[in-house]
């Protein structure tokens, strides 16, 4: 493969007139050396202009602004929301396994009395644990539906709100796992932290996306968050009950 004096794009074969191919957009390829490999790793993981890192930093420091910019069309500098949510949820599951945290059990015991030690519940929790990624995406959609019901006349539609919740909830999942590990499932501060991360914080961000200077927006957003949490909890309970009935538990 000849990398010097390139006249054709090595990716698509079209004629190269500039540093970037006018047909596929690929930059003029260079032979992989140790120096180029280090640059590649830096650009992919550490560079501040990296879409993944910029999305992470934006959601950490300016979540409402980051979500609003993406919804309003400024997307080239941000990571794909579905991929962002998927990879962070996947990373959270790996982290939970490393920290010996059962995400389903921890969540259920944090919001119930903690008496879930029967074999029946163990079987149900095992099934739900293997479906967490699906539950995450469905829960985000239910939260978006609830928010749209609260802000019916606002400019963002349900699917745009869904994208915002994918970004927010995916970003907060890792923090939730760490919090669950520290709180040992039934610690009062852990329960407060989980409530803040899963309901209160997203509600504040959604309100700031819409009308940051109107108190009514925060009231409506909190009401939508509670409704969405109710939708998700109902779905969780229904699936658990259906699973128990199907397995004859």
C-alpha atoms as a PDB file:
ATOM      1  CA  UNK A   1       0.000   0.000   0.000  1.00  0.00           C
ATOM      2  CA  UNK A   2       1.486   3.355  -1.091  1.00  0.00           C
ATOM      3  CA  UNK A   3       0.868   6.141   1.425  1.00  0.00           C
ATOM      4  CA  UNK A   4       3.161   8.795   0.002  1.00  0.00           C
ATOM      5  CA  UNK A   5       2.125  10.958  -2.979  1.00  0.00           C
ATOM      6  CA  UNK A   6      -1.527   9.875  -2.765  1.00  0.00           C
ATOM      7  CA  UNK A   7      -3.598  10.942  -5.756  1.00  0.00           C
ATOM      8  CA  UNK A   8      -6.591   8.791  -4.895  1.00  0.00           C
ATOM      9  CA  UNK A   9      -8.471   8.299  -1.636  1.00  0.00           C
ATOM     10  CA  UNK A  10      -7.463   4.983  -0.097  1.00  0.00           C
ATOM     11  CA  UNK A  11     -10.976   4.600   1.321  1.00  0.00           C
ATOM     12  CA  UNK A  12     -13.229   5.178  -1.713  1.00  0.00           C
ATOM     13  CA  UNK A  13     -10.848   5.554  -4.664  1.00  0.00           C
ATOM     14  CA  UNK A  14     -11.899   9.072  -5.687  1.00  0.00           C
ATOM     15  CA  UNK A  15      -9.334  11.651  -6.757  1.00  0.00           C
ATOM     16  CA  UNK A  16      -7.692  13.602  -3.924  1.00  0.00           C
ATOM     17  CA  UNK A  17      -7.314  17.343  -4.455  1.00  0.00           C
ATOM     18  CA  UNK A  18      -7.056  18.409  -0.813  1.00  0.00           C
ATOM     19  CA  UNK A  19      -6.124  16.940   2.557  1.00  0.00           C
ATOM     20  CA  UNK A  20      -9.647  15.525   2.847  1.00  0.00           C
ATOM     21  CA  UNK A  21     -11.534  13.446   0.289  1.00  0.00           C
ATOM     22  CA  UNK A  22     -14.375  15.426  -1.268  1.00  0.00           C
ATOM     23  CA  UNK A  23     -16.439  12.241  -1.695  1.00  0.00           C
ATOM     24  CA  UNK A  24     -16.238  10.324   1.618  1.00  0.00           C
ATOM     25  CA  UNK A  25     -14.621  12.940   3.870  1.00  0.00           C
ATOM     26  CA  UNK A  26     -11.689  10.794   4.990  1.00  0.00           C
ATOM     27  CA  UNK A  27      -8.447  12.586   5.733  1.00  0.00           C
ATOM     28  CA  UNK A  28      -5.444  11.603   3.612  1.00  0.00           C
ATOM     29  CA  UNK A  29      -4.301   8.355   5.198  1.00  0.00           C
ATOM     30  CA  UNK A  30      -0.863   7.954   6.730  1.00  0.00           C
ATOM     31  CA  UNK A  31       1.094   4.839   7.502  1.00  0.00           C
ATOM     32  CA  UNK A  32       0.540   3.755  11.108  1.00  0.00           C
ATOM     33  CA  UNK A  33       3.693   4.359  13.128  1.00  0.00           C
ATOM     34  CA  UNK A  34       4.219   4.563  16.869  1.00  0.00           C
ATOM     35  CA  UNK A  35       3.875   8.353  16.742  1.00  0.00           C
ATOM     36  CA  UNK A  36       0.695   8.214  14.662  1.00  0.00           C
ATOM     37  CA  UNK A  37      -0.753   5.560  16.960  1.00  0.00           C
ATOM     38  CA  UNK A  38      -0.225   7.785  20.008  1.00  0.00           C
ATOM     39  CA  UNK A  39      -1.900  10.680  18.189  1.00  0.00           C
ATOM     40  CA  UNK A  40      -4.814   8.431  17.243  1.00  0.00           C
ATOM     41  CA  UNK A  41      -5.320   7.324  20.842  1.00  0.00           C
ATOM     42  CA  UNK A  42      -5.064  10.906  22.076  1.00  0.00           C
ATOM     43  CA  UNK A  43      -7.612  12.199  19.591  1.00  0.00           C
ATOM     44  CA  UNK A  44     -10.006   9.367  20.299  1.00  0.00           C
ATOM     45  CA  UNK A  45      -9.944   9.488  24.089  1.00  0.00           C
ATOM     46  CA  UNK A  46      -8.232  12.527  25.548  1.00  0.00           C
ATOM     47  CA  UNK A  47      -8.676  15.415  23.146  1.00  0.00           C
ATOM     48  CA  UNK A  48     -11.061  18.048  24.456  1.00  0.00           C
ATOM     49  CA  UNK A  49     -12.627  18.317  21.003  1.00  0.00           C
ATOM     50  CA  UNK A  50     -13.534  14.644  21.057  1.00  0.00           C
ATOM     51  CA  UNK A  51     -17.356  14.369  20.745  1.00  0.00           C
ATOM     52  CA  UNK A  52     -17.497  11.770  23.518  1.00  0.00           C
ATOM     53  CA  UNK A  53     -15.441  13.818  25.964  1.00  0.00           C
ATOM     54  CA  UNK A  54     -17.168  17.074  25.036  1.00  0.00           C
ATOM     55  CA  UNK A  55     -20.551  15.447  25.609  1.00  0.00           C
ATOM     56  CA  UNK A  56     -19.424  14.089  28.976  1.00  0.00           C
ATOM     57  CA  UNK A  57     -17.984  17.419  30.108  1.00  0.00           C
ATOM     58  CA  UNK A  58     -21.011  19.310  28.813  1.00  0.00           C
ATOM     59  CA  UNK A  59     -23.482  17.064  30.636  1.00  0.00           C
ATOM     60  CA  UNK A  60     -21.413  17.378  33.805  1.00  0.00           C
ATOM     61  CA  UNK A  61     -20.995  21.155  33.816  1.00  0.00           C
ATOM     62  CA  UNK A  62     -23.832  22.475  31.617  1.00  0.00           C
ATOM     63  CA  UNK A  63     -26.433  19.728  31.148  1.00  0.00           C
ATOM     64  CA  UNK A  64     -29.327  21.973  30.130  1.00  0.00           C
ATOM     65  CA  UNK A  65     -27.237  23.939  27.638  1.00  0.00           C
ATOM     66  CA  UNK A  66     -25.742  20.754  26.174  1.00  0.00           C
ATOM     67  CA  UNK A  67     -29.145  19.112  25.703  1.00  0.00           C
ATOM     68  CA  UNK A  68     -30.682  22.291  24.287  1.00  0.00           C
ATOM     69  CA  UNK A  69     -27.856  22.774  21.793  1.00  0.00           C
ATOM     70  CA  UNK A  70     -28.199  19.202  20.559  1.00  0.00           C
ATOM     71  CA  UNK A  71     -31.969  19.486  20.220  1.00  0.00           C
ATOM     72  CA  UNK A  72     -31.609  22.813  18.397  1.00  0.00           C
ATOM     73  CA  UNK A  73     -29.319  21.286  15.772  1.00  0.00           C
ATOM     74  CA  UNK A  74     -25.776  21.949  17.024  1.00  0.00           C
ATOM     75  CA  UNK A  75     -24.770  18.294  16.861  1.00  0.00           C
ATOM     76  CA  UNK A  76     -21.461  17.914  15.073  1.00  0.00           C
ATOM     77  CA  UNK A  77     -19.440  18.335  18.291  1.00  0.00           C
ATOM     78  CA  UNK A  78     -21.548  15.952  20.372  1.00  0.00           C
ATOM     79  CA  UNK A  79     -21.647  12.178  20.621  1.00  0.00           C
ATOM     80  CA  UNK A  80     -24.629  10.224  19.330  1.00  0.00           C
ATOM     81  CA  UNK A  81     -27.139  10.177  22.262  1.00  0.00           C
ATOM     82  CA  UNK A  82     -28.215   6.552  21.753  1.00  0.00           C
ATOM     83  CA  UNK A  83     -24.593   5.390  21.593  1.00  0.00           C
ATOM     84  CA  UNK A  84     -23.687   7.568  24.568  1.00  0.00           C
ATOM     85  CA  UNK A  85     -26.479   6.063  26.664  1.00  0.00           C
ATOM     86  CA  UNK A  86     -25.764   2.511  25.508  1.00  0.00           C
ATOM     87  CA  UNK A  87     -22.046   2.636  26.239  1.00  0.00           C
ATOM     88  CA  UNK A  88     -22.455   4.318  29.623  1.00  0.00           C
ATOM     89  CA  UNK A  89     -25.158   1.860  30.686  1.00  0.00           C
ATOM     90  CA  UNK A  90     -22.936  -1.008  29.521  1.00  0.00           C
ATOM     91  CA  UNK A  91     -19.989   0.472  31.395  1.00  0.00           C
ATOM     92  CA  UNK A  92     -22.227   0.850  34.462  1.00  0.00           C
ATOM     93  CA  UNK A  93     -23.147  -2.829  34.332  1.00  0.00           C
ATOM     94  CA  UNK A  94     -19.467  -3.772  34.178  1.00  0.00           C
ATOM     95  CA  UNK A  95     -18.720  -1.385  37.042  1.00  0.00           C
ATOM     96  CA  UNK A  96     -21.625  -2.809  39.058  1.00  0.00           C
ATOM     97  CA  UNK A  97     -20.256  -6.306  38.584  1.00  0.00           C
ATOM     98  CA  UNK A  98     -16.803  -5.146  39.681  1.00  0.00           C
ATOM     99  CA  UNK A  99     -18.259  -3.437  42.782  1.00  0.00           C
ATOM    100  CA  UNK A 100     -20.499  -6.446  43.495  1.00  0.00           C
ATOM    101  CA  UNK A 101     -23.670  -4.372  43.119  1.00  0.00           C
ATOM    102  CA  UNK A 102     -26.872  -5.961  41.834  1.00  0.00           C
ATOM    103  CA  UNK A 103     -28.501  -2.986  40.122  1.00  0.00           C
ATOM    104  CA  UNK A 104     -32.047  -4.388  40.257  1.00  0.00           C
ATOM    105  CA  UNK A 105     -31.800  -5.517  43.862  1.00  0.00           C
ATOM    106  CA  UNK A 106     -30.191  -2.265  44.942  1.00  0.00           C
ATOM    107  CA  UNK A 107     -32.837  -0.134  43.277  1.00  0.00           C
ATOM    108  CA  UNK A 108     -35.721  -2.197  44.647  1.00  0.00           C
ATOM    109  CA  UNK A 109     -34.333  -2.294  48.180  1.00  0.00           C
ATOM    110  CA  UNK A 110     -33.610   1.412  48.122  1.00  0.00           C
ATOM    111  CA  UNK A 111     -37.281   2.214  47.564  1.00  0.00           C
ATOM    112  CA  UNK A 112     -38.890  -0.631  49.513  1.00  0.00           C
ATOM    113  CA  UNK A 113     -38.527  -2.156  52.935  1.00  0.00           C
ATOM    114  CA  UNK A 114     -35.637  -4.341  51.775  1.00  0.00           C
ATOM    115  CA  UNK A 115     -37.414  -7.646  52.430  1.00  0.00           C
ATOM    116  CA  UNK A 116     -36.644  -9.218  49.082  1.00  0.00           C
ATOM    117  CA  UNK A 117     -34.649 -12.258  50.054  1.00  0.00           C
ATOM    118  CA  UNK A 118     -36.936 -15.047  48.858  1.00  0.00           C
ATOM    119  CA  UNK A 119     -36.018 -17.434  46.076  1.00  0.00           C
ATOM    120  CA  UNK A 120     -38.929 -16.121  44.029  1.00  0.00           C
ATOM    121  CA  UNK A 121     -37.588 -12.595  44.042  1.00  0.00           C
ATOM    122  CA  UNK A 122     -34.073 -13.873  43.388  1.00  0.00           C
ATOM    123  CA  UNK A 123     -35.313 -15.505  40.181  1.00  0.00           C
ATOM    124  CA  UNK A 124     -37.200 -12.363  39.125  1.00  0.00           C
ATOM    125  CA  UNK A 125     -34.233 -10.113  39.890  1.00  0.00           C
ATOM    126  CA  UNK A 126     -31.959 -12.321  37.795  1.00  0.00           C
ATOM    127  CA  UNK A 127     -34.243 -11.988  34.778  1.00  0.00           C
ATOM    128  CA  UNK A 128     -34.669  -8.233  35.193  1.00  0.00           C
ATOM    129  CA  UNK A 129     -30.924  -7.797  35.654  1.00  0.00           C
ATOM    130  CA  UNK A 130     -30.325  -9.313  32.222  1.00  0.00           C
ATOM    131  CA  UNK A 131     -32.809  -6.867  30.662  1.00  0.00           C
ATOM    132  CA  UNK A 132     -31.512  -3.634  32.194  1.00  0.00           C
ATOM    133  CA  UNK A 133     -30.452  -2.063  28.908  1.00  0.00           C
ATOM    134  CA  UNK A 134     -33.959  -2.504  27.486  1.00  0.00           C
ATOM    135  CA  UNK A 135     -35.509  -1.125  30.668  1.00  0.00           C
ATOM    136  CA  UNK A 136     -33.220   1.891  30.520  1.00  0.00           C
ATOM    137  CA  UNK A 137     -34.312   2.883  27.016  1.00  0.00           C
ATOM    138  CA  UNK A 138     -37.983   2.216  27.769  1.00  0.00           C
ATOM    139  CA  UNK A 139     -37.835   4.202  31.021  1.00  0.00           C
ATOM    140  CA  UNK A 140     -36.251   7.159  29.232  1.00  0.00           C
ATOM    141  CA  UNK A 141     -39.100   7.105  26.714  1.00  0.00           C
ATOM    142  CA  UNK A 142     -41.739   6.987  29.472  1.00  0.00           C
ATOM    143  CA  UNK A 143     -40.099   9.986  31.136  1.00  0.00           C
ATOM    144  CA  UNK A 144     -40.178  11.813  27.803  1.00  0.00           C
ATOM    145  CA  UNK A 145     -43.886  11.051  27.359  1.00  0.00           C
ATOM    146  CA  UNK A 146     -44.604  12.395  30.850  1.00  0.00           C
ATOM    147  CA  UNK A 147     -42.624  15.567  30.132  1.00  0.00           C
ATOM    148  CA  UNK A 148     -44.465  16.144  26.875  1.00  0.00           C
ATOM    149  CA  UNK A 149     -47.786  15.811  28.723  1.00  0.00           C
ATOM    150  CA  UNK A 150     -46.608  18.525  31.101  1.00  0.00           C
ATOM    151  CA  UNK A 151     -45.241  20.787  28.346  1.00  0.00           C
ATOM    152  CA  UNK A 152     -47.789  20.142  25.614  1.00  0.00           C
ATOM    153  CA  UNK A 153     -47.393  23.551  23.952  1.00  0.00           C
ATOM    154  CA  UNK A 154     -43.605  23.647  24.110  1.00  0.00           C
ATOM    155  CA  UNK A 155     -41.526  23.394  20.943  1.00  0.00           C
ATOM    156  CA  UNK A 156     -39.835  20.052  21.606  1.00  0.00           C
ATOM    157  CA  UNK A 157     -41.684  16.884  20.660  1.00  0.00           C
ATOM    158  CA  UNK A 158     -41.678  13.574  22.530  1.00  0.00           C
ATOM    159  CA  UNK A 159     -38.771  12.098  20.592  1.00  0.00           C
ATOM    160  CA  UNK A 160     -36.613  15.166  21.102  1.00  0.00           C
ATOM    161  CA  UNK A 161     -37.291  14.903  24.823  1.00  0.00           C
ATOM    162  CA  UNK A 162     -36.442  11.217  24.583  1.00  0.00           C
ATOM    163  CA  UNK A 163     -32.997  12.159  23.288  1.00  0.00           C
ATOM    164  CA  UNK A 164     -32.548  14.570  26.198  1.00  0.00           C
ATOM    165  CA  UNK A 165     -33.436  11.844  28.694  1.00  0.00           C
ATOM    166  CA  UNK A 166     -31.083   9.389  27.008  1.00  0.00           C
ATOM    167  CA  UNK A 167     -28.247  11.850  27.484  1.00  0.00           C
ATOM    168  CA  UNK A 168     -29.165  12.736  31.068  1.00  0.00           C
ATOM    169  CA  UNK A 169     -30.044   9.276  32.350  1.00  0.00           C
ATOM    170  CA  UNK A 170     -27.091   7.636  30.650  1.00  0.00           C
ATOM    171  CA  UNK A 171     -24.784  10.221  32.175  1.00  0.00           C
ATOM    172  CA  UNK A 172     -26.202   9.686  35.666  1.00  0.00           C
ATOM    173  CA  UNK A 173     -26.146   5.890  35.572  1.00  0.00           C
ATOM    174  CA  UNK A 174     -22.469   5.609  36.451  1.00  0.00           C
ATOM    175  CA  UNK A 175     -22.923   7.934  39.421  1.00  0.00           C
ATOM    176  CA  UNK A 176     -25.877   5.841  40.572  1.00  0.00           C
ATOM    177  CA  UNK A 177     -23.775   2.674  40.608  1.00  0.00           C
ATOM    178  CA  UNK A 178     -21.064   4.315  42.688  1.00  0.00           C
ATOM    179  CA  UNK A 179     -23.713   5.686  45.041  1.00  0.00           C
ATOM    180  CA  UNK A 180     -25.320   2.258  45.433  1.00  0.00           C
ATOM    181  CA  UNK A 181     -21.963   0.691  46.230  1.00  0.00           C
ATOM    182  CA  UNK A 182     -21.211   3.315  48.878  1.00  0.00           C
ATOM    183  CA  UNK A 183     -24.695   3.276  50.375  1.00  0.00           C
ATOM    184  CA  UNK A 184     -24.861  -0.501  50.825  1.00  0.00           C
ATOM    185  CA  UNK A 185     -28.391  -0.573  49.366  1.00  0.00           C
ATOM    186  CA  UNK A 186     -30.406   0.596  52.375  1.00  0.00           C
ATOM    187  CA  UNK A 187     -28.547   3.637  53.598  1.00  0.00           C
ATOM    188  CA  UNK A 188     -30.785   6.711  53.989  1.00  0.00           C
ATOM    189  CA  UNK A 189     -28.310   8.948  52.196  1.00  0.00           C
ATOM    190  CA  UNK A 190     -28.159   6.459  49.344  1.00  0.00           C
ATOM    191  CA  UNK A 191     -31.938   6.586  48.992  1.00  0.00           C
ATOM    192  CA  UNK A 192     -31.909  10.382  48.962  1.00  0.00           C
ATOM    193  CA  UNK A 193     -29.094  10.373  46.420  1.00  0.00           C
ATOM    194  CA  UNK A 194     -30.906   7.912  44.167  1.00  0.00           C
ATOM    195  CA  UNK A 195     -34.075   9.986  44.312  1.00  0.00           C
ATOM    196  CA  UNK A 196     -32.075  13.086  43.438  1.00  0.00           C
ATOM    197  CA  UNK A 197     -30.289  11.448  40.511  1.00  0.00           C
ATOM    198  CA  UNK A 198     -33.302   9.643  39.066  1.00  0.00           C
ATOM    199  CA  UNK A 199     -36.054  12.230  39.539  1.00  0.00           C
ATOM    200  CA  UNK A 200     -35.104  15.627  40.943  1.00  0.00           C
ATOM    201  CA  UNK A 201     -31.970  16.399  38.917  1.00  0.00           C
ATOM    202  CA  UNK A 202     -33.431  15.475  35.490  1.00  0.00           C
ATOM    203  CA  UNK A 203     -36.569  17.470  36.362  1.00  0.00           C
ATOM    204  CA  UNK A 204     -34.478  20.571  37.048  1.00  0.00           C
ATOM    205  CA  UNK A 205     -32.531  20.139  33.812  1.00  0.00           C
ATOM    206  CA  UNK A 206     -35.672  19.641  31.699  1.00  0.00           C
ATOM    207  CA  UNK A 207     -37.207  22.767  33.243  1.00  0.00           C
ATOM    208  CA  UNK A 208     -34.065  24.735  32.399  1.00  0.00           C
ATOM    209  CA  UNK A 209     -34.172  23.457  28.833  1.00  0.00           C
ATOM    210  CA  UNK A 210     -37.661  24.898  28.463  1.00  0.00           C
ATOM    211  CA  UNK A 211     -38.160  27.991  30.625  1.00  0.00           C
ATOM    212  CA  UNK A 212     -35.219  28.463  33.005  1.00  0.00           C
ATOM    213  CA  UNK A 213     -36.582  31.684  34.514  1.00  0.00           C
ATOM    214  CA  UNK A 214     -40.158  30.593  35.237  1.00  0.00           C
ATOM    215  CA  UNK A 215     -41.001  28.813  38.466  1.00  0.00           C
ATOM    216  CA  UNK A 216     -44.040  27.172  36.854  1.00  0.00           C
ATOM    217  CA  UNK A 217     -41.713  25.268  34.533  1.00  0.00           C
ATOM    218  CA  UNK A 218     -40.019  23.653  37.523  1.00  0.00           C
ATOM    219  CA  UNK A 219     -43.362  22.682  39.069  1.00  0.00           C
ATOM    220  CA  UNK A 220     -44.526  21.106  35.807  1.00  0.00           C
ATOM    221  CA  UNK A 221     -41.194  19.376  35.306  1.00  0.00           C
ATOM    222  CA  UNK A 222     -41.252  17.891  38.822  1.00  0.00           C
ATOM    223  CA  UNK A 223     -44.827  16.685  38.263  1.00  0.00           C
ATOM    224  CA  UNK A 224     -43.753  15.101  34.956  1.00  0.00           C
ATOM    225  CA  UNK A 225     -40.768  13.432  36.632  1.00  0.00           C
ATOM    226  CA  UNK A 226     -42.986  11.906  39.313  1.00  0.00           C
ATOM    227  CA  UNK A 227     -45.464  10.739  36.668  1.00  0.00           C
ATOM    228  CA  UNK A 228     -42.666   9.251  34.572  1.00  0.00           C
ATOM    229  CA  UNK A 229     -41.212   7.532  37.618  1.00  0.00           C
ATOM    230  CA  UNK A 230     -44.679   6.115  38.337  1.00  0.00           C
ATOM    231  CA  UNK A 231     -44.942   4.851  34.736  1.00  0.00           C
ATOM    232  CA  UNK A 232     -41.527   3.188  34.987  1.00  0.00           C
ATOM    233  CA  UNK A 233     -42.234   1.659  38.413  1.00  0.00           C
ATOM    234  CA  UNK A 234     -45.559   0.302  37.188  1.00  0.00           C
ATOM    235  CA  UNK A 235     -43.876  -1.231  34.163  1.00  0.00           C
ATOM    236  CA  UNK A 236     -41.160  -2.698  36.376  1.00  0.00           C
ATOM    237  CA  UNK A 237     -43.758  -4.227  38.708  1.00  0.00           C
ATOM    238  CA  UNK A 238     -45.863  -5.537  35.827  1.00  0.00           C
ATOM    239  CA  UNK A 239     -42.900  -7.258  34.201  1.00  0.00           C
ATOM    240  CA  UNK A 240     -41.848  -8.709  37.537  1.00  0.00           C
ATOM    241  CA  UNK A 241     -45.365  -9.980  38.242  1.00  0.00           C
ATOM    242  CA  UNK A 242     -45.745 -11.396  34.750  1.00  0.00           C
ATOM    243  CA  UNK A 243     -42.386 -13.129  35.066  1.00  0.00           C
ATOM    244  CA  UNK A 244     -43.362 -14.622  38.411  1.00  0.00           C
ATOM    245  CA  UNK A 245     -46.666 -15.876  36.981  1.00  0.00           C
ATOM    246  CA  UNK A 246     -45.024 -17.276  33.873  1.00  0.00           C
ATOM    247  CA  UNK A 247     -42.437 -19.151  35.931  1.00  0.00           C
ATOM    248  CA  UNK A 248     -45.062 -20.287  38.436  1.00  0.00           C
ATOM    249  CA  UNK A 249     -43.270 -18.618  41.334  1.00  0.00           C
END
